[in-house]
Amino acid sequence: MYLFATRNGTPHTTGGFNSAWRRLKVKVGLSDIHFHDIRAKALTDAKRKGGSDYAQALGNHASVDTTENYIKTREVNIVEPLY
C-alpha cells in the first residue's frame, strides 16, 4: 500500500506525482504552495503538541536545527478571543 498511488495502486513516479500535484494546485486555485509546506505544517503542529524532540523524531531529523528550519517561520501564537 502506498500513500500516493496511481489509480491501479502502483506508486507514482516522480514525474507522475509532480504532474498530479500541479493539477491539484490549479484545481484548488493555489499557485504558491509546495509539497514540503505540508511537512512543515505537520512538524509545526507536532512541536506545539509534543515539543521539539517529538517534532524532530517525527521528521526523522538527525539534528533539531534541521527541524527548526522547517518550523521557525511558520510558528504563530494561538490566542483566545476576547468575547
Protein backbone atom coordinates (compact mmCIF):
# COMPACT_ATOMS: atom_id res chain seq x y z
CA MET A 1 0.00 0.00 0.00
CA TYR A 2 1.29 3.46 -0.91
CA LEU A 3 0.36 6.85 0.46
CA PHE A 4 0.37 8.37 -3.03
CA ALA A 5 -0.62 5.75 -5.55
CA THR A 6 -1.89 5.67 -9.11
CA ARG A 7 -5.42 4.54 -9.84
CA ASN A 8 -4.24 0.95 -10.18
CA GLY A 9 -2.42 1.00 -6.82
CA THR A 10 1.16 1.30 -8.02
CA PRO A 11 3.45 4.03 -6.68
CA HIS A 12 3.67 7.28 -8.60
CA THR A 13 6.84 8.05 -10.48
CA THR A 14 8.41 11.38 -9.59
CA GLY A 15 7.11 12.88 -12.82
CA GLY A 16 3.65 11.42 -12.26
CA PHE A 17 3.46 12.80 -8.75
CA ASN A 18 4.66 16.24 -9.85
CA SER A 19 2.08 16.29 -12.63
CA ALA A 20 -0.72 15.35 -10.22
CA TRP A 21 0.48 17.98 -7.73
CA ARG A 22 0.42 20.69 -10.44
CA ARG A 23 -3.12 19.69 -11.47
CA LEU A 24 -4.27 19.78 -7.84
CA LYS A 25 -2.82 23.27 -7.30
CA VAL A 26 -4.69 24.55 -10.36
CA LYS A 27 -7.91 22.84 -9.29
CA VAL A 28 -7.89 24.43 -5.82
CA GLY A 29 -6.53 27.78 -7.01
CA LEU A 30 -3.28 27.76 -5.02
CA SER A 31 -0.23 28.58 -7.08
CA ASP A 32 2.36 29.35 -4.39
CA ILE A 33 2.22 26.13 -2.39
CA HIS A 34 4.80 23.37 -2.26
CA PHE A 35 4.50 19.77 -1.13
CA HIS A 36 7.03 20.40 1.67
CA ASP A 37 4.65 23.01 3.10
CA ILE A 38 2.52 20.08 4.27
CA ARG A 39 5.54 18.56 6.04
CA ALA A 40 6.39 21.91 7.62
CA LYS A 41 2.82 22.28 8.89
CA ALA A 42 2.88 18.77 10.36
CA LEU A 43 6.17 19.43 12.15
CA THR A 44 4.94 22.79 13.43
CA ASP A 45 1.83 21.11 14.86
CA ALA A 46 3.95 18.29 16.32
CA LYS A 47 6.21 20.77 18.11
CA ARG A 48 3.20 22.60 19.50
CA LYS A 49 1.67 19.35 20.82
CA GLY A 50 4.73 17.37 21.88
CA GLY A 51 7.76 19.64 21.88
CA SER A 52 10.91 19.89 19.79
CA ASP A 53 12.08 16.33 20.45
CA TYR A 54 8.77 14.92 19.25
CA ALA A 55 8.83 17.05 16.08
CA GLN A 56 12.43 16.06 15.42
CA ALA A 57 11.57 12.36 15.76
CA LEU A 58 8.52 12.74 13.52
CA GLY A 59 10.61 14.48 10.88
CA ASN A 60 13.33 11.84 11.21
CA HIS A 61 15.94 14.58 11.50
CA ALA A 62 19.37 13.90 12.99
CA SER A 63 19.58 17.49 14.21
CA VAL A 64 17.00 19.64 15.95
CA ASP A 65 18.39 22.53 13.88
CA THR A 66 17.01 20.88 10.75
CA THR A 67 13.60 20.58 12.39
CA GLU A 68 13.72 24.21 13.48
CA ASN A 69 14.43 25.26 9.88
CA TYR A 70 11.09 23.76 8.92
CA ILE A 71 9.06 25.38 11.65
CA LYS A 72 10.66 28.65 12.70
CA THR A 73 8.98 30.85 10.09
CA ARG A 74 5.62 29.13 10.37
CA GLU A 75 5.11 29.17 14.11
CA VAL A 76 2.47 31.56 15.37
CA ASN A 77 0.99 32.16 18.78
CA ILE A 78 -2.53 30.90 19.27
CA VAL A 79 -4.65 33.34 21.23
CA GLU A 80 -8.10 33.11 22.76
CA PRO A 81 -10.76 35.56 21.55
CA LEU A 82 -11.79 38.33 23.97
CA TYR A 83 -15.56 37.82 23.72
